Amino acid sequence: MDLISSLAGLDLSVLQQPPLATFFILVLVSVISLATTLLNRRVMNLDEYKKMMIESNRVRKEVMEAMRSGNQRAISKAQNKQQELMKAQQQMSSQRMKISLYTLIPILIMWQVLLNFFRGVIVAYMPFKAPFLSLELNVGGWYILCSFATSIVLQRVLGLTFEIGPED
């Protein structure tokens, strides 16, 4: 950021103080989460993914029922179904991993720029005491909190995660 600001002739030091630093990182993380979520949504066949997850849940229950009954033939049959589904899930997961790998390098570059710009600066204050976090957050802690929060919400809103109800 220092290099960018010096080249552009801008004074970005105001972004190093809360609340601007807090909101700047939140917006940046939200944009990154939105981009990666949209890429995942575009690559994945969501209907197939949902069907596979529902089927996986059904087969898991089938395996449990077979184990309770003690019927070795039913156990073997259910476990074979489970293994086939696991292979299909691995293929689908590999698609999501490819997106993660493609986005990793730009995020790591951006992360280095952020760490250099916000070196030793408190960017956010926690309103309550949380386990594993101090009341004053540096760029790393705040970025991770924002990343978890925004990605969970965006994935839910854009349909990449869903609940499997008892009827499924």
Foldseek 3Di string as FASTA:
>chain_A
DVVVCVVVVHDPVVCLEPPNVLVVLLVVLLVLLLVLLVVLVVQDPLVVVVVLVLVLVVLVVQLVVCVVVVPPVSNVVSVVVNVVSVVVVVVSVVSSVVSVVVVVVVVVVVVVVQCVSNPPTFHAAAPDDDPPDDRTDGSVVSNVVSNVVSNVVSCVVSVVDDDRDPVD
